[in-house]
Amino acid sequence: MLNAWPNFAITFALLITTFYLAWKRGFSPLEIFSTRADAAFVSTLRQRFRPATPPTIPA
């Protein structure tokens, strides 16, 4: 069945991997269709999921 839970799990894992690689590398499979859309997608991912910056201690 196409509606089985393993299919959902595999799809979810592949989407998370794709988003992570797009965030990390700076390009995604969307680049095949539109470089502007790809840049907007990566920019949105990077703004939404910024790396945690350690708090600064005032001197």
N, C-alpha and C. Protein backbone atom coordinates (compact mmCIF):
# COMPACT_ATOMS: atom_id res chain seq x y z
N MET A 1 0.83 -1.18 0.00
CA MET A 1 0.00 0.00 0.00
C MET A 1 0.87 1.25 0.00
N LEU A 2 0.45 2.22 -0.73
CA LEU A 2 1.18 3.48 -0.77
C LEU A 2 0.94 4.32 0.47
N ASN A 3 -0.10 4.02 1.22
CA ASN A 3 -0.46 4.81 2.39
C ASN A 3 0.10 4.20 3.68
N ALA A 4 1.10 3.36 3.56
CA ALA A 4 1.66 2.70 4.73
C ALA A 4 2.63 3.62 5.47
N TRP A 5 2.82 3.38 6.76
CA TRP A 5 3.66 4.25 7.57
C TRP A 5 5.12 4.26 7.13
N PRO A 6 5.70 3.16 6.61
CA PRO A 6 7.11 3.25 6.17
C PRO A 6 7.30 4.25 5.03
N ASN A 7 6.31 4.38 4.17
CA ASN A 7 6.42 5.36 3.08
C ASN A 7 6.46 6.78 3.62
N PHE A 8 5.65 7.05 4.64
CA PHE A 8 5.66 8.37 5.26
C PHE A 8 7.00 8.63 5.96
N ALA A 9 7.52 7.62 6.63
CA ALA A 9 8.79 7.77 7.34
C ALA A 9 9.94 8.04 6.37
N ILE A 10 9.99 7.31 5.27
CA ILE A 10 11.03 7.50 4.27
C ILE A 10 10.92 8.88 3.63
N THR A 11 9.71 9.28 3.29
CA THR A 11 9.49 10.59 2.69
C THR A 11 9.92 11.70 3.64
N PHE A 12 9.54 11.59 4.91
CA PHE A 12 9.90 12.58 5.91
C PHE A 12 11.43 12.66 6.05
N ALA A 13 12.09 11.52 6.14
CA ALA A 13 13.54 11.50 6.28
C ALA A 13 14.24 12.13 5.08
N LEU A 14 13.74 11.83 3.89
CA LEU A 14 14.36 12.40 2.68
C LEU A 14 14.13 13.91 2.59
N LEU A 15 12.96 14.37 2.99
CA LEU A 15 12.71 15.82 2.98
C LEU A 15 13.60 16.54 3.98
N ILE A 16 13.74 15.99 5.17
CA ILE A 16 14.61 16.60 6.18
C ILE A 16 16.06 16.63 5.68
N THR A 17 16.50 15.55 5.06
CA THR A 17 17.86 15.50 4.51
C THR A 17 18.04 16.55 3.42
N THR A 18 17.06 16.69 2.54
CA THR A 18 17.12 17.68 1.46
C THR A 18 17.18 19.09 2.02
N PHE A 19 16.35 19.38 3.02
CA PHE A 19 16.36 20.71 3.62
C PHE A 19 17.69 20.99 4.32
N TYR A 20 18.21 19.99 5.02
CA TYR A 20 19.49 20.18 5.71
C TYR A 20 20.61 20.46 4.72
N LEU A 21 20.68 19.66 3.66
CA LEU A 21 21.74 19.86 2.67
C LEU A 21 21.59 21.21 1.96
N ALA A 22 20.38 21.64 1.70
CA ALA A 22 20.17 22.95 1.09
C ALA A 22 20.64 24.04 2.03
N TRP A 23 20.33 23.91 3.32
CA TRP A 23 20.75 24.89 4.32
C TRP A 23 22.28 24.93 4.44
N LYS A 24 22.89 23.76 4.45
CA LYS A 24 24.34 23.65 4.66
C LYS A 24 25.14 24.04 3.42
N ARG A 25 24.75 23.56 2.25
CA ARG A 25 25.52 23.77 1.02
C ARG A 25 25.17 25.04 0.27
N GLY A 26 23.95 25.53 0.44
CA GLY A 26 23.57 26.77 -0.23
C GLY A 26 22.86 26.59 -1.56
N PHE A 27 22.50 25.38 -1.89
CA PHE A 27 21.69 25.13 -3.09
C PHE A 27 20.84 23.90 -2.87
N SER A 28 19.77 23.80 -3.66
CA SER A 28 18.82 22.70 -3.49
C SER A 28 18.42 22.17 -4.87
N PRO A 29 17.66 21.09 -4.91
CA PRO A 29 17.17 20.59 -6.19
C PRO A 29 16.27 21.59 -6.92
N LEU A 30 15.76 22.58 -6.22
CA LEU A 30 14.93 23.61 -6.84
C LEU A 30 15.72 24.40 -7.88
N GLU A 31 17.05 24.39 -7.77
CA GLU A 31 17.92 25.12 -8.69
C GLU A 31 17.75 24.64 -10.13
N ILE A 32 17.30 23.41 -10.31
CA ILE A 32 17.07 22.87 -11.65
C ILE A 32 16.05 23.71 -12.40
N PHE A 33 15.05 24.20 -11.69
CA PHE A 33 13.95 24.93 -12.31
C PHE A 33 14.14 26.44 -12.29
N SER A 34 14.69 26.98 -11.20
CA SER A 34 14.83 28.42 -11.08
C SER A 34 15.92 28.76 -10.06
N THR A 35 16.94 29.48 -10.51
CA THR A 35 18.01 29.85 -9.59
C THR A 35 17.52 30.91 -8.59
N ARG A 36 16.62 31.79 -9.03
CA ARG A 36 16.08 32.80 -8.10
C ARG A 36 15.23 32.15 -7.02
N ALA A 37 14.40 31.20 -7.39
CA ALA A 37 13.57 30.50 -6.41
C ALA A 37 14.45 29.70 -5.45
N ASP A 38 15.50 29.10 -5.98
CA ASP A 38 16.43 28.35 -5.14
C ASP A 38 17.11 29.28 -4.14
N ALA A 39 17.56 30.43 -4.58
CA ALA A 39 18.21 31.39 -3.69
C ALA A 39 17.24 31.86 -2.61
N ALA A 40 15.99 32.10 -2.97
CA ALA A 40 14.99 32.52 -1.99
C ALA A 40 14.72 31.40 -0.98
N PHE A 41 14.65 30.17 -1.46
CA PHE A 41 14.41 29.03 -0.59
C PHE A 41 15.55 28.84 0.41
N VAL A 42 16.78 28.88 -0.07
CA VAL A 42 17.94 28.71 0.80
C VAL A 42 18.04 29.86 1.79
N SER A 43 17.77 31.07 1.32
CA SER A 43 17.80 32.24 2.20
C SER A 43 16.76 32.10 3.31
N THR A 44 15.58 31.65 2.96
CA THR A 44 14.53 31.45 3.95
C THR A 44 14.93 30.39 4.97
N LEU A 45 15.50 29.29 4.50
CA LEU A 45 15.96 28.24 5.42
C LEU A 45 17.03 28.77 6.36
N ARG A 46 17.97 29.53 5.82
CA ARG A 46 19.07 30.03 6.64
C ARG A 46 18.60 31.09 7.63
N GLN A 47 17.60 31.88 7.27
CA GLN A 47 17.08 32.86 8.21
C GLN A 47 16.26 32.18 9.30
N ARG A 48 15.52 31.17 8.94
CA ARG A 48 14.64 30.50 9.89
C ARG A 48 15.42 29.60 10.85
N PHE A 49 16.43 28.93 10.34
CA PHE A 49 17.20 27.97 11.14
C PHE A 49 18.66 28.40 11.23
N ARG A 50 18.89 29.51 11.89
CA ARG A 50 20.25 30.02 12.07
C ARG A 50 20.98 29.14 13.07
N PRO A 51 22.31 29.03 12.88
CA PRO A 51 23.08 28.30 13.89
C PRO A 51 23.07 29.07 15.21
N ALA A 52 23.05 28.36 16.28
CA ALA A 52 23.04 29.00 17.60
C ALA A 52 24.36 29.72 17.84
N THR A 53 24.27 30.97 18.25
CA THR A 53 25.48 31.72 18.57
C THR A 53 25.62 31.77 20.09
N PRO A 54 26.81 31.55 20.55
CA PRO A 54 27.00 31.57 22.00
C PRO A 54 26.76 32.98 22.55
N PRO A 55 26.23 33.10 23.75
CA PRO A 55 25.99 34.43 24.31
C PRO A 55 27.32 35.13 24.59
N THR A 56 27.34 36.42 24.36
CA THR A 56 28.56 37.19 24.63
C THR A 56 28.49 37.77 26.03
N ILE A 57 29.63 37.80 26.66
CA ILE A 57 29.70 38.34 28.02
C ILE A 57 30.24 39.77 27.89
N PRO A 58 29.48 40.76 28.39
CA PRO A 58 29.97 42.13 28.28
C PRO A 58 31.24 42.32 29.11
N ALA A 59 32.14 43.09 28.55
CA ALA A 59 33.43 43.32 29.22
C ALA A 59 33.35 44.39 30.27
